[in-house]
């Protein structure tokens, strides 16, 4: 993020909001029963620029199997780079 633009956005009464969407297919042979080797992860998160900080508004992530059926929820952890 270009820190020099944060004040220009605020002066104009603007902010930035964005959403991250992720889909990842998993093909492994260790799933049971045999032939049931397809899984996928579906995730999304939304963020907003609040002053000079990026804040997560919400997030969800799940691992699915054919059906489709949710196998389990995955914790979404954001790691922000130090500036």
PDB file of N, CA and C in Angstrom:
ATOM      1  N   UNK A   1       0.844  -1.172   0.000  1.00  0.00           N
ATOM      2  CA  UNK A   1       0.000   0.000   0.000  1.00  0.00           C
ATOM      3  C   UNK A   1       0.887   1.232   0.000  1.00  0.00           C
ATOM      4  N   UNK A   2       0.575   2.171  -0.841  1.00  0.00           N
ATOM      5  CA  UNK A   2       1.320   3.425  -0.854  1.00  0.00           C
ATOM      6  C   UNK A   2       0.785   4.331   0.252  1.00  0.00           C
ATOM      7  N   UNK A   3       1.553   4.417   1.309  1.00  0.00           N
ATOM      8  CA  UNK A   3       1.127   5.199   2.487  1.00  0.00           C
ATOM      9  C   UNK A   3       0.889   6.670   2.145  1.00  0.00           C
ATOM     10  N   UNK A   4       1.571   7.196   1.132  1.00  0.00           N
ATOM     11  CA  UNK A   4       1.408   8.601   0.778  1.00  0.00           C
ATOM     12  C   UNK A   4       0.031   8.902   0.188  1.00  0.00           C
ATOM     13  N   UNK A   5      -0.708   7.881  -0.232  1.00  0.00           N
ATOM     14  CA  UNK A   5      -2.036   8.099  -0.801  1.00  0.00           C
ATOM     15  C   UNK A   5      -3.163   8.010   0.220  1.00  0.00           C
ATOM     16  N   UNK A   6      -2.876   7.495   1.415  1.00  0.00           N
ATOM     17  CA  UNK A   6      -3.906   7.333   2.441  1.00  0.00           C
ATOM     18  C   UNK A   6      -4.551   8.673   2.786  1.00  0.00           C
ATOM     19  N   UNK A   7      -3.765   9.687   3.017  1.00  0.00           N
ATOM     20  CA  UNK A   7      -4.327  11.001   3.382  1.00  0.00           C
ATOM     21  C   UNK A   7      -5.112  11.610   2.220  1.00  0.00           C
ATOM     22  N   UNK A   8      -4.702  11.360   0.993  1.00  0.00           N
ATOM     23  CA  UNK A   8      -5.440  11.883  -0.166  1.00  0.00           C
ATOM     24  C   UNK A   8      -6.809  11.218  -0.266  1.00  0.00           C
ATOM     25  N   UNK A   9      -6.876   9.939   0.005  1.00  0.00           N
ATOM     26  CA  UNK A   9      -8.172   9.250   0.011  1.00  0.00           C
ATOM     27  C   UNK A   9      -9.074   9.822   1.107  1.00  0.00           C
ATOM     28  N   UNK A  10      -8.525   9.959   2.311  1.00  0.00           N
ATOM     29  CA  UNK A  10      -9.307  10.482   3.438  1.00  0.00           C
ATOM     30  C   UNK A  10      -9.787  11.901   3.159  1.00  0.00           C
ATOM     31  N   UNK A  11      -8.925  12.734   2.597  1.00  0.00           N
ATOM     32  CA  UNK A  11      -9.306  14.120   2.273  1.00  0.00           C
ATOM     33  C   UNK A  11     -10.459  14.164   1.271  1.00  0.00           C
ATOM     34  N   UNK A  12     -10.529  13.175   0.390  1.00  0.00           N
ATOM     35  CA  UNK A  12     -11.595  13.112  -0.609  1.00  0.00           C
ATOM     36  C   UNK A  12     -12.835  12.396  -0.069  1.00  0.00           C
ATOM     37  N   UNK A  13     -12.769  11.928   1.198  1.00  0.00           N
ATOM     38  CA  UNK A  13     -13.901  11.219   1.784  1.00  0.00           C
ATOM     39  C   UNK A  13     -14.055   9.802   1.246  1.00  0.00           C
ATOM     40  N   UNK A  14     -12.945   9.207   0.804  1.00  0.00           N
ATOM     41  CA  UNK A  14     -12.973   7.879   0.202  1.00  0.00           C
ATOM     42  C   UNK A  14     -12.195   6.869   1.032  1.00  0.00           C
ATOM     43  N   UNK A  15     -12.445   5.620   0.768  1.00  0.00           N
ATOM     44  CA  UNK A  15     -11.677   4.527   1.343  1.00  0.00           C
ATOM     45  C   UNK A  15     -11.602   3.420   0.306  1.00  0.00           C
ATOM     46  N   UNK A  16     -10.960   2.335   0.642  1.00  0.00           N
ATOM     47  CA  UNK A  16     -10.859   1.192  -0.262  1.00  0.00           C
ATOM     48  C   UNK A  16     -11.466  -0.023   0.434  1.00  0.00           C
ATOM     49  N   UNK A  17     -12.280  -0.765  -0.312  1.00  0.00           N
ATOM     50  CA  UNK A  17     -12.887  -2.003   0.158  1.00  0.00           C
ATOM     51  C   UNK A  17     -12.641  -3.053  -0.912  1.00  0.00           C
ATOM     52  N   UNK A  18     -12.203  -4.261  -0.512  1.00  0.00           N
ATOM     53  CA  UNK A  18     -11.976  -5.310  -1.497  1.00  0.00           C
ATOM     54  C   UNK A  18     -12.291  -6.675  -0.919  1.00  0.00           C
ATOM     55  N   UNK A  19     -12.521  -7.607  -1.838  1.00  0.00           N
ATOM     56  CA  UNK A  19     -12.843  -8.976  -1.467  1.00  0.00           C
ATOM     57  C   UNK A  19     -11.855  -9.925  -2.138  1.00  0.00           C
ATOM     58  N   UNK A  20     -11.427 -10.922  -1.391  1.00  0.00           N
ATOM     59  CA  UNK A  20     -10.538 -11.964  -1.885  1.00  0.00           C
ATOM     60  C   UNK A  20     -11.357 -13.238  -2.020  1.00  0.00           C
ATOM     61  N   UNK A  21     -11.302 -13.876  -3.197  1.00  0.00           N
ATOM     62  CA  UNK A  21     -12.002 -15.133  -3.441  1.00  0.00           C
ATOM     63  C   UNK A  21     -10.974 -16.204  -3.781  1.00  0.00           C
ATOM     64  N   UNK A  22     -11.117 -17.376  -3.170  1.00  0.00           N
ATOM     65  CA  UNK A  22     -10.158 -18.458  -3.384  1.00  0.00           C
ATOM     66  C   UNK A  22     -10.909 -19.757  -3.645  1.00  0.00           C
ATOM     67  N   UNK A  23     -10.434 -20.500  -4.615  1.00  0.00           N
ATOM     68  CA  UNK A  23     -10.917 -21.845  -4.878  1.00  0.00           C
ATOM     69  C   UNK A  23      -9.701 -22.720  -5.160  1.00  0.00           C
ATOM     70  N   UNK A  24      -9.580 -23.828  -4.484  1.00  0.00           N
ATOM     71  CA  UNK A  24      -8.419 -24.695  -4.652  1.00  0.00           C
ATOM     72  C   UNK A  24      -8.887 -26.140  -4.709  1.00  0.00           C
ATOM     73  N   UNK A  25      -8.534 -26.833  -5.784  1.00  0.00           N
ATOM     74  CA  UNK A  25      -8.894 -28.241  -5.924  1.00  0.00           C
ATOM     75  C   UNK A  25      -7.809 -29.117  -5.324  1.00  0.00           C
ATOM     76  N   UNK A  26      -8.241 -30.185  -4.633  1.00  0.00           N
ATOM     77  CA  UNK A  26      -7.319 -31.114  -3.990  1.00  0.00           C
ATOM     78  C   UNK A  26      -7.552 -32.507  -4.560  1.00  0.00           C
ATOM     79  N   UNK A  27      -6.549 -33.055  -5.205  1.00  0.00           N
ATOM     80  CA  UNK A  27      -6.627 -34.424  -5.722  1.00  0.00           C
ATOM     81  C   UNK A  27      -5.589 -35.250  -4.970  1.00  0.00           C
ATOM     82  N   UNK A  28      -6.060 -36.107  -4.083  1.00  0.00           N
ATOM     83  CA  UNK A  28      -5.157 -36.938  -3.282  1.00  0.00           C
ATOM     84  C   UNK A  28      -5.685 -38.359  -3.247  1.00  0.00           C
ATOM     85  N   UNK A  29      -4.784 -39.292  -3.033  1.00  0.00           N
ATOM     86  CA  UNK A  29      -5.185 -40.695  -3.018  1.00  0.00           C
ATOM     87  C   UNK A  29      -5.443 -41.228  -1.617  1.00  0.00           C
ATOM     88  N   UNK A  30      -5.271 -40.402  -0.571  1.00  0.00           N
ATOM     89  CA  UNK A  30      -5.450 -40.908   0.793  1.00  0.00           C
ATOM     90  C   UNK A  30      -6.842 -40.653   1.366  1.00  0.00           C
ATOM     91  N   UNK A  31      -7.785 -40.159   0.561  1.00  0.00           N
ATOM     92  CA  UNK A  31      -9.164 -39.988   1.019  1.00  0.00           C
ATOM     93  C   UNK A  31      -9.861 -41.342   0.994  1.00  0.00           C
ATOM     94  N   UNK A  32     -10.852 -41.514   1.839  1.00  0.00           N
ATOM     95  CA  UNK A  32     -11.606 -42.766   1.876  1.00  0.00           C
ATOM     96  C   UNK A  32     -13.024 -42.499   1.435  1.00  0.00           C
ATOM     97  N   UNK A  33     -13.765 -43.370   0.879  1.00  0.00           N
ATOM     98  CA  UNK A  33     -13.396 -44.686   0.363  1.00  0.00           C
ATOM     99  C   UNK A  33     -12.632 -44.558  -0.948  1.00  0.00           C
ATOM    100  N   UNK A  34     -12.101 -45.679  -1.462  1.00  0.00           N
ATOM    101  CA  UNK A  34     -11.350 -45.632  -2.721  1.00  0.00           C
ATOM    102  C   UNK A  34     -12.184 -45.004  -3.839  1.00  0.00           C
ATOM    103  N   UNK A  35     -11.532 -44.175  -4.651  1.00  0.00           N
ATOM    104  CA  UNK A  35     -12.220 -43.479  -5.736  1.00  0.00           C
ATOM    105  C   UNK A  35     -12.812 -42.156  -5.310  1.00  0.00           C
ATOM    106  N   UNK A  36     -12.805 -41.886  -4.019  1.00  0.00           N
ATOM    107  CA  UNK A  36     -13.349 -40.633  -3.477  1.00  0.00           C
ATOM    108  C   UNK A  36     -12.180 -39.690  -3.201  1.00  0.00           C
ATOM    109  N   UNK A  37     -11.436 -39.346  -4.253  1.00  0.00           N
ATOM    110  CA  UNK A  37     -10.187 -38.615  -4.059  1.00  0.00           C
ATOM    111  C   UNK A  37     -10.279 -37.130  -4.384  1.00  0.00           C
ATOM    112  N   UNK A  38     -11.480 -36.595  -4.527  1.00  0.00           N
ATOM    113  CA  UNK A  38     -11.622 -35.199  -4.928  1.00  0.00           C
ATOM    114  C   UNK A  38     -12.163 -34.353  -3.779  1.00  0.00           C
ATOM    115  N   UNK A  39     -11.463 -33.297  -3.454  1.00  0.00           N
ATOM    116  CA  UNK A  39     -11.886 -32.318  -2.446  1.00  0.00           C
ATOM    117  C   UNK A  39     -11.576 -30.924  -2.988  1.00  0.00           C
ATOM    118  N   UNK A  40     -12.177 -29.905  -2.388  1.00  0.00           N
ATOM    119  CA  UNK A  40     -11.821 -28.543  -2.745  1.00  0.00           C
ATOM    120  C   UNK A  40     -12.024 -27.632  -1.551  1.00  0.00           C
ATOM    121  N   UNK A  41     -11.328 -26.510  -1.607  1.00  0.00           N
ATOM    122  CA  UNK A  41     -11.443 -25.479  -0.582  1.00  0.00           C
ATOM    123  C   UNK A  41     -12.043 -24.250  -1.249  1.00  0.00           C
ATOM    124  N   UNK A  42     -13.036 -23.680  -0.616  1.00  0.00           N
ATOM    125  CA  UNK A  42     -13.677 -22.464  -1.080  1.00  0.00           C
ATOM    126  C   UNK A  42     -13.571 -21.439   0.046  1.00  0.00           C
ATOM    127  N   UNK A  43     -13.079 -20.245  -0.287  1.00  0.00           N
ATOM    128  CA  UNK A  43     -12.877 -19.234   0.759  1.00  0.00           C
ATOM    129  C   UNK A  43     -13.089 -17.833   0.208  1.00  0.00           C
ATOM    130  N   UNK A  44     -13.473 -16.940   1.099  1.00  0.00           N
ATOM    131  CA  UNK A  44     -13.584 -15.523   0.744  1.00  0.00           C
ATOM    132  C   UNK A  44     -13.351 -14.682   1.998  1.00  0.00           C
ATOM    133  N   UNK A  45     -12.851 -13.489   1.769  1.00  0.00           N
ATOM    134  CA  UNK A  45     -12.644 -12.538   2.862  1.00  0.00           C
ATOM    135  C   UNK A  45     -12.787 -11.130   2.311  1.00  0.00           C
ATOM    136  N   UNK A  46     -13.243 -10.222   3.150  1.00  0.00           N
ATOM    137  CA  UNK A  46     -13.392  -8.821   2.759  1.00  0.00           C
ATOM    138  C   UNK A  46     -12.579  -7.944   3.697  1.00  0.00           C
ATOM    139  N   UNK A  47     -12.011  -6.883   3.130  1.00  0.00           N
ATOM    140  CA  UNK A  47     -11.152  -5.969   3.873  1.00  0.00           C
ATOM    141  C   UNK A  47     -11.531  -4.532   3.552  1.00  0.00           C
ATOM    142  N   UNK A  48     -11.214  -3.640   4.483  1.00  0.00           N
ATOM    143  CA  UNK A  48     -11.443  -2.214   4.266  1.00  0.00           C
ATOM    144  C   UNK A  48     -10.241  -1.438   4.808  1.00  0.00           C
ATOM    145  N   UNK A  49      -9.926  -0.366   4.135  1.00  0.00           N
ATOM    146  CA  UNK A  49      -8.873   0.528   4.594  1.00  0.00           C
ATOM    147  C   UNK A  49      -9.510   1.501   5.583  1.00  0.00           C
ATOM    148  N   UNK A  50      -9.060   1.469   6.834  1.00  0.00           N
ATOM    149  CA  UNK A  50      -9.595   2.321   7.887  1.00  0.00           C
ATOM    150  C   UNK A  50      -8.465   3.217   8.374  1.00  0.00           C
ATOM    151  N   UNK A  51      -8.446   4.446   7.882  1.00  0.00           N
ATOM    152  CA  UNK A  51      -7.315   5.337   8.186  1.00  0.00           C
ATOM    153  C   UNK A  51      -6.082   4.780   7.511  1.00  0.00           C
ATOM    154  N   UNK A  52      -5.061   4.447   8.296  1.00  0.00           N
ATOM    155  CA  UNK A  52      -3.850   3.857   7.716  1.00  0.00           C
ATOM    156  C   UNK A  52      -3.741   2.369   8.027  1.00  0.00           C
ATOM    157  N   UNK A  53      -4.863   1.753   8.463  1.00  0.00           N
ATOM    158  CA  UNK A  53      -4.866   0.320   8.806  1.00  0.00           C
ATOM    159  C   UNK A  53      -5.787  -0.451   7.876  1.00  0.00           C
ATOM    160  N   UNK A  54      -5.420  -1.682   7.595  1.00  0.00           N
ATOM    161  CA  UNK A  54      -6.282  -2.595   6.846  1.00  0.00           C
ATOM    162  C   UNK A  54      -6.986  -3.478   7.862  1.00  0.00           C
ATOM    163  N   UNK A  55      -8.328  -3.487   7.804  1.00  0.00           N
ATOM    164  CA  UNK A  55      -9.108  -4.291   8.740  1.00  0.00           C
ATOM    165  C   UNK A  55      -9.925  -5.328   7.992  1.00  0.00           C
ATOM    166  N   UNK A  56      -9.968  -6.527   8.537  1.00  0.00           N
ATOM    167  CA  UNK A  56     -10.781  -7.580   7.958  1.00  0.00           C
ATOM    168  C   UNK A  56     -12.223  -7.373   8.390  1.00  0.00           C
ATOM    169  N   UNK A  57     -13.131  -7.346   7.425  1.00  0.00           N
ATOM    170  CA  UNK A  57     -14.552  -7.167   7.702  1.00  0.00           C
ATOM    171  C   UNK A  57     -15.194  -8.513   8.012  1.00  0.00           C
ATOM    172  N   UNK A  58     -14.830  -9.537   7.245  1.00  0.00           N
ATOM    173  CA  UNK A  58     -15.379 -10.865   7.457  1.00  0.00           C
ATOM    174  C   UNK A  58     -14.616 -11.876   6.626  1.00  0.00           C
ATOM    175  N   UNK A  59     -14.739 -13.150   6.995  1.00  0.00           N
ATOM    176  CA  UNK A  59     -14.046 -14.199   6.254  1.00  0.00           C
ATOM    177  C   UNK A  59     -14.719 -15.545   6.507  1.00  0.00           C
ATOM    178  N   UNK A  60     -14.664 -16.394   5.501  1.00  0.00           N
ATOM    179  CA  UNK A  60     -15.179 -17.751   5.628  1.00  0.00           C
ATOM    180  C   UNK A  60     -14.356 -18.671   4.729  1.00  0.00           C
ATOM    181  N   UNK A  61     -14.124 -19.867   5.191  1.00  0.00           N
ATOM    182  CA  UNK A  61     -13.391 -20.861   4.404  1.00  0.00           C
ATOM    183  C   UNK A  61     -13.889 -22.244   4.799  1.00  0.00           C
ATOM    184  N   UNK A  62     -14.134 -23.090   3.793  1.00  0.00           N
ATOM    185  CA  UNK A  62     -14.604 -24.451   4.041  1.00  0.00           C
ATOM    186  C   UNK A  62     -13.912 -25.439   3.112  1.00  0.00           C
ATOM    187  N   UNK A  63     -13.784 -26.658   3.587  1.00  0.00           N
ATOM    188  CA  UNK A  63     -13.299 -27.759   2.750  1.00  0.00           C
ATOM    189  C   UNK A  63     -14.510 -28.615   2.403  1.00  0.00           C
ATOM    190  N   UNK A  64     -14.656 -28.927   1.113  1.00  0.00           N
ATOM    191  CA  UNK A  64     -15.828 -29.647   0.626  1.00  0.00           C
ATOM    192  C   UNK A  64     -15.437 -30.979  -0.008  1.00  0.00           C
ATOM    193  N   UNK A  65     -16.442 -31.857  -0.091  1.00  0.00           N
ATOM    194  CA  UNK A  65     -16.286 -33.129  -0.792  1.00  0.00           C
ATOM    195  C   UNK A  65     -17.467 -33.281  -1.734  1.00  0.00           C
ATOM    196  N   UNK A  66     -17.394 -34.248  -2.656  1.00  0.00           N
ATOM    197  CA  UNK A  66     -18.486 -34.415  -3.617  1.00  0.00           C
ATOM    198  C   UNK A  66     -19.832 -34.520  -2.919  1.00  0.00           C
ATOM    199  N   UNK A  67     -20.807 -33.929  -3.556  1.00  0.00           N
ATOM    200  CA  UNK A  67     -22.167 -33.925  -3.042  1.00  0.00           C
ATOM    201  C   UNK A  67     -22.916 -32.664  -3.451  1.00  0.00           C
ATOM    202  N   UNK A  68     -22.421 -31.470  -3.300  1.00  0.00           N
ATOM    203  CA  UNK A  68     -21.288 -31.101  -2.437  1.00  0.00           C
ATOM    204  C   UNK A  68     -21.686 -31.077  -0.969  1.00  0.00           C
ATOM    205  N   UNK A  69     -20.746 -31.425  -0.136  1.00  0.00           N
ATOM    206  CA  UNK A  69     -20.935 -31.454   1.302  1.00  0.00           C
ATOM    207  C   UNK A  69     -19.747 -30.790   1.966  1.00  0.00           C
ATOM    208  N   UNK A  70     -20.021 -29.966   2.971  1.00  0.00           N
ATOM    209  CA  UNK A  70     -18.940 -29.351   3.735  1.00  0.00           C
ATOM    210  C   UNK A  70     -18.347 -30.389   4.673  1.00  0.00           C
ATOM    211  N   UNK A  71     -17.035 -30.616   4.555  1.00  0.00           N
ATOM    212  CA  UNK A  71     -16.355 -31.527   5.488  1.00  0.00           C
ATOM    213  C   UNK A  71     -16.063 -30.807   6.799  1.00  0.00           C
ATOM    214  N   UNK A  72     -15.504 -29.603   6.695  1.00  0.00           N
ATOM    215  CA  UNK A  72     -15.238 -28.813   7.896  1.00  0.00           C
ATOM    216  C   UNK A  72     -14.905 -27.376   7.507  1.00  0.00           C
ATOM    217  N   UNK A  73     -15.073 -26.495   8.487  1.00  0.00           N
ATOM    218  CA  UNK A  73     -14.699 -25.091   8.295  1.00  0.00           C
ATOM    219  C   UNK A  73     -13.215 -24.936   8.571  1.00  0.00           C
ATOM    220  N   UNK A  74     -12.609 -23.961   7.905  1.00  0.00           N
ATOM    221  CA  UNK A  74     -11.188 -23.680   8.058  1.00  0.00           C
ATOM    222  C   UNK A  74     -11.045 -22.277   8.634  1.00  0.00           C
ATOM    223  N   UNK A  75     -10.189 -22.139   9.626  1.00  0.00           N
ATOM    224  CA  UNK A  75      -9.953 -20.818  10.209  1.00  0.00           C
ATOM    225  C   UNK A  75      -9.164 -19.964   9.225  1.00  0.00           C
ATOM    226  N   UNK A  76      -9.653 -18.759   8.959  1.00  0.00           N
ATOM    227  CA  UNK A  76      -8.984 -17.816   8.055  1.00  0.00           C
ATOM    228  C   UNK A  76      -8.135 -16.901   8.912  1.00  0.00           C
ATOM    229  N   UNK A  77      -6.829 -16.965   8.750  1.00  0.00           N
ATOM    230  CA  UNK A  77      -5.905 -16.143   9.526  1.00  0.00           C
ATOM    231  C   UNK A  77      -5.180 -15.199   8.573  1.00  0.00           C
ATOM    232  N   UNK A  78      -5.267 -13.909   8.842  1.00  0.00           N
ATOM    233  CA  UNK A  78      -4.590 -12.924   8.016  1.00  0.00           C
ATOM    234  C   UNK A  78      -3.253 -12.563   8.609  1.00  0.00           C
ATOM    235  N   UNK A  79      -2.237 -12.610   7.775  1.00  0.00           N
ATOM    236  CA  UNK A  79      -0.896 -12.200   8.198  1.00  0.00           C
ATOM    237  C   UNK A  79      -0.535 -10.946   7.419  1.00  0.00           C
ATOM    238  N   UNK A  80      -0.467  -9.842   8.098  1.00  0.00           N
ATOM    239  CA  UNK A  80      -0.124  -8.577   7.454  1.00  0.00           C
ATOM    240  C   UNK A  80       1.390  -8.381   7.452  1.00  0.00           C
ATOM    241  N   UNK A  81       1.899  -7.888   6.344  1.00  0.00           N
ATOM    242  CA  UNK A  81       3.324  -7.617   6.231  1.00  0.00           C
ATOM    243  C   UNK A  81       3.674  -6.400   7.080  1.00  0.00           C
ATOM    244  N   UNK A  82       4.806  -6.456   7.734  1.00  0.00           N
ATOM    245  CA  UNK A  82       5.278  -5.305   8.503  1.00  0.00           C
ATOM    246  C   UNK A  82       5.818  -4.261   7.551  1.00  0.00           C
ATOM    247  N   UNK A  83       5.536  -3.003   7.819  1.00  0.00           N
ATOM    248  CA  UNK A  83       6.020  -1.942   6.924  1.00  0.00           C
ATOM    249  C   UNK A  83       7.168  -1.186   7.539  1.00  0.00           C
TER     250      UNK A  83
END
